[in-house]
Amino acid sequence: MTSNLVLTVIADDKPGLVESLSQTIAANSGNWLESSMSQLAGKFAGILRVSVADDRVNQLIEELNALPSELNIVIERAADESVGQASQAVELNLVGNDRPGIIKEISAAVSALGINVKRLNTECMPAPMSSEPLFKAVAILEVPEGITLEQLQERLEKLADDLIVEIDVVIHS
């Protein structure tokens, strides 16, 4: 049997951080399954899921915790993914002038419909013509059975008008 661990990692960015993690995981016969890692404001930030044989879990956790203290790691044992309520994956793309509160408003709207945000990537960049800050977001939403794409689009279109942003929603394949 194997166990899944979810690790969150943050440290001052420098070469070799991913190598340290991957060497420790491999030395314990762990399998690096999926991850998302970024450099943000001079910090390395990442989250990853690892599977490891049940008899190696404690050793892997000990060795990860023994890595240099500048590498802040939080380790959680992941529950078995069970079959839950039927749902549909939908991709939300948003672009607009940057201002505080965009994600707060979007997350409140989808949460009110019982929709879960599975993945969210955002960035601010200069707009092509004006160089004003432009906010972009891409989210993968888990829409439960019983909520139609039309209901979601109607809610988001009203919000897009209020926020003065463009929102596009497509079924994720």
Protein backbone atom coordinates (compact mmCIF):
# COMPACT_ATOMS: atom_id res chain seq x y z
CA MET A 1 0.00 0.00 0.00
CA THR A 2 1.04 3.57 -0.58
CA SER A 3 0.27 6.84 1.10
CA ASN A 4 0.00 10.29 -0.40
CA LEU A 5 1.64 13.30 1.20
CA VAL A 6 0.98 16.90 0.29
CA LEU A 7 3.91 19.22 0.92
CA THR A 8 3.92 23.00 0.91
CA VAL A 9 7.33 24.58 0.65
CA ILE A 10 8.56 28.17 0.95
CA ALA A 11 12.10 29.51 1.08
CA ASP A 12 14.30 32.29 -0.20
CA ASP A 13 14.71 31.43 -3.86
CA LYS A 14 18.06 29.93 -4.85
CA PRO A 15 19.31 27.12 -7.08
CA GLY A 16 19.04 23.58 -5.73
CA LEU A 17 15.80 23.75 -3.74
CA VAL A 18 13.85 21.43 -6.04
CA GLU A 19 16.88 19.15 -6.24
CA SER A 20 17.03 18.84 -2.43
CA LEU A 21 13.37 17.92 -2.28
CA SER A 22 13.54 15.48 -5.19
CA GLN A 23 16.67 13.75 -3.85
CA THR A 24 15.06 13.23 -0.44
CA ILE A 25 11.86 11.90 -2.00
CA ALA A 26 13.73 9.57 -4.38
CA ALA A 27 16.03 8.31 -1.61
CA ASN A 28 12.91 7.07 0.16
CA SER A 29 11.44 5.47 -2.99
CA GLY A 30 8.82 8.19 -3.16
CA ASN A 31 7.13 9.18 -6.37
CA TRP A 32 6.74 12.91 -7.20
CA LEU A 33 3.21 12.91 -8.66
CA GLU A 34 2.21 16.51 -9.25
CA SER A 35 3.32 19.97 -8.26
CA SER A 36 2.95 23.67 -8.78
CA MET A 37 5.96 25.85 -8.02
CA SER A 38 6.74 29.50 -8.55
CA GLN A 39 9.17 32.26 -7.71
CA LEU A 40 7.20 35.09 -6.10
CA ALA A 41 8.85 38.27 -4.81
CA GLY A 42 12.20 36.52 -4.30
CA LYS A 43 10.63 33.53 -2.57
CA PHE A 44 10.35 29.99 -3.84
CA ALA A 45 6.82 28.71 -3.17
CA GLY A 46 5.53 25.30 -4.04
CA ILE A 47 3.01 22.62 -3.35
CA LEU A 48 3.45 19.01 -4.35
CA ARG A 49 1.90 15.59 -3.95
CA VAL A 50 4.10 12.58 -3.33
CA SER A 51 3.23 8.90 -3.03
CA VAL A 52 5.38 6.65 -0.90
CA ALA A 53 5.13 3.10 0.41
CA ASP A 54 3.40 2.97 3.79
CA ASP A 55 6.51 1.51 5.43
CA ARG A 56 8.62 4.49 4.22
CA VAL A 57 6.25 7.36 5.12
CA ASN A 58 7.68 8.15 8.55
CA GLN A 59 11.27 7.99 7.30
CA LEU A 60 10.48 10.33 4.40
CA ILE A 61 8.76 12.80 6.75
CA GLU A 62 11.76 12.73 9.11
CA GLU A 63 14.22 13.34 6.27
CA LEU A 64 12.14 16.15 4.79
CA ASN A 65 11.94 17.79 8.21
CA ALA A 66 15.74 17.42 8.54
CA LEU A 67 16.39 19.51 5.41
CA PRO A 68 17.99 22.92 6.15
CA SER A 69 15.77 25.18 8.26
CA GLU A 70 15.68 27.87 5.54
CA LEU A 71 13.41 25.46 3.64
CA ASN A 72 10.05 25.76 5.40
CA ILE A 73 8.06 22.59 4.71
CA VAL A 74 4.58 21.68 5.90
CA ILE A 75 3.68 18.03 5.38
CA GLU A 76 0.13 16.68 5.45
CA ARG A 77 -1.03 13.13 4.91
CA ALA A 78 -3.63 13.20 2.16
CA ALA A 79 -6.90 11.36 2.52
CA ASP A 80 -7.74 8.75 -0.06
CA GLU A 81 -9.52 10.39 -2.95
CA SER A 82 -12.94 8.87 -2.97
CA VAL A 83 -15.66 9.16 -5.52
CA GLY A 84 -17.77 12.12 -4.48
CA GLN A 85 -20.64 14.04 -5.96
CA ALA A 86 -20.73 14.15 -9.75
CA SER A 87 -19.25 17.36 -11.08
CA GLN A 88 -18.05 19.05 -14.24
CA ALA A 89 -14.74 20.87 -14.69
CA VAL A 90 -15.07 24.39 -16.06
CA GLU A 91 -12.30 26.85 -16.93
CA LEU A 92 -12.79 30.49 -16.01
CA ASN A 93 -10.61 33.12 -17.72
CA LEU A 94 -10.67 36.68 -16.42
CA VAL A 95 -8.90 39.82 -17.67
CA GLY A 96 -9.33 43.38 -16.45
CA ASN A 97 -7.68 46.43 -14.99
CA ASP A 98 -6.12 45.51 -11.66
CA ARG A 99 -7.84 46.56 -8.47
CA PRO A 100 -8.22 45.10 -4.99
CA GLY A 101 -11.06 42.64 -4.43
CA ILE A 102 -11.41 40.90 -7.79
CA ILE A 103 -10.64 37.42 -6.43
CA LYS A 104 -12.77 38.09 -3.34
CA GLU A 105 -15.80 38.88 -5.51
CA ILE A 106 -15.29 35.99 -7.93
CA SER A 107 -14.68 33.44 -5.16
CA ALA A 108 -17.78 34.63 -3.26
CA ALA A 109 -19.92 34.27 -6.40
CA VAL A 110 -18.81 30.74 -7.22
CA SER A 111 -18.89 29.64 -3.58
CA ALA A 112 -22.50 30.84 -3.28
CA LEU A 113 -23.37 28.35 -6.05
CA GLY A 114 -21.55 25.52 -4.24
CA ILE A 115 -18.72 25.55 -6.78
CA ASN A 116 -15.22 24.59 -5.67
CA VAL A 117 -12.07 26.29 -6.98
CA LYS A 118 -9.69 23.43 -7.84
CA ARG A 119 -6.91 25.54 -9.31
CA LEU A 120 -6.25 29.25 -9.55
CA ASN A 121 -3.42 31.05 -11.31
CA THR A 122 -3.22 34.83 -11.34
CA GLU A 123 -0.79 37.46 -12.55
CA CYS A 124 -0.48 41.21 -12.91
CA MET A 125 1.26 42.63 -15.94
CA PRO A 126 1.38 45.92 -17.83
CA ALA A 127 -1.43 46.35 -20.38
CA PRO A 128 -0.05 46.36 -23.96
CA MET A 129 -1.08 49.90 -24.95
CA SER A 130 -1.35 51.84 -21.69
CA SER A 131 1.08 49.97 -19.41
CA GLU A 132 -1.62 50.18 -16.68
CA PRO A 133 -1.65 47.11 -14.41
CA LEU A 134 -3.68 44.33 -16.01
CA PHE A 135 -4.98 41.47 -13.85
CA LYS A 136 -5.35 38.00 -15.37
CA ALA A 137 -6.77 34.91 -13.71
CA VAL A 138 -7.35 31.36 -14.88
CA ALA A 139 -9.32 29.06 -12.61
CA ILE A 140 -10.47 25.48 -12.88
CA LEU A 141 -13.83 25.20 -11.18
CA GLU A 142 -15.55 22.03 -10.01
CA VAL A 143 -19.23 22.61 -10.78
CA PRO A 144 -21.56 20.18 -8.98
CA GLU A 145 -24.33 18.37 -10.78
CA GLY A 146 -27.47 20.48 -10.69
CA ILE A 147 -25.70 23.77 -11.43
CA THR A 148 -25.85 24.58 -15.13
CA LEU A 149 -23.21 26.38 -17.10
CA GLU A 150 -25.88 29.00 -17.88
CA GLN A 151 -26.46 29.67 -14.15
CA LEU A 152 -22.74 30.13 -13.63
CA GLN A 153 -22.36 32.37 -16.68
CA GLU A 154 -25.33 34.53 -15.66
CA ARG A 155 -23.87 35.08 -12.18
CA LEU A 156 -20.39 35.84 -13.55
CA GLU A 157 -21.64 38.16 -16.33
CA LYS A 158 -23.37 40.39 -13.78
CA LEU A 159 -20.21 40.37 -11.68
CA ALA A 160 -18.04 41.12 -14.75
CA ASP A 161 -20.13 44.24 -15.41
CA ASP A 162 -19.74 45.35 -11.78
CA LEU A 163 -15.98 44.68 -11.75
CA ILE A 164 -15.40 45.95 -15.30
CA VAL A 165 -13.56 42.79 -16.33
CA GLU A 166 -13.94 40.26 -19.13
CA ILE A 167 -14.85 36.74 -18.03
CA ASP A 168 -14.97 33.71 -20.29
CA VAL A 169 -16.21 30.34 -19.07
CA VAL A 170 -15.61 27.12 -21.04
CA ILE A 171 -16.08 23.45 -20.30
CA HIS A 172 -12.65 22.05 -19.39
CA SER A 173 -11.63 18.90 -21.19
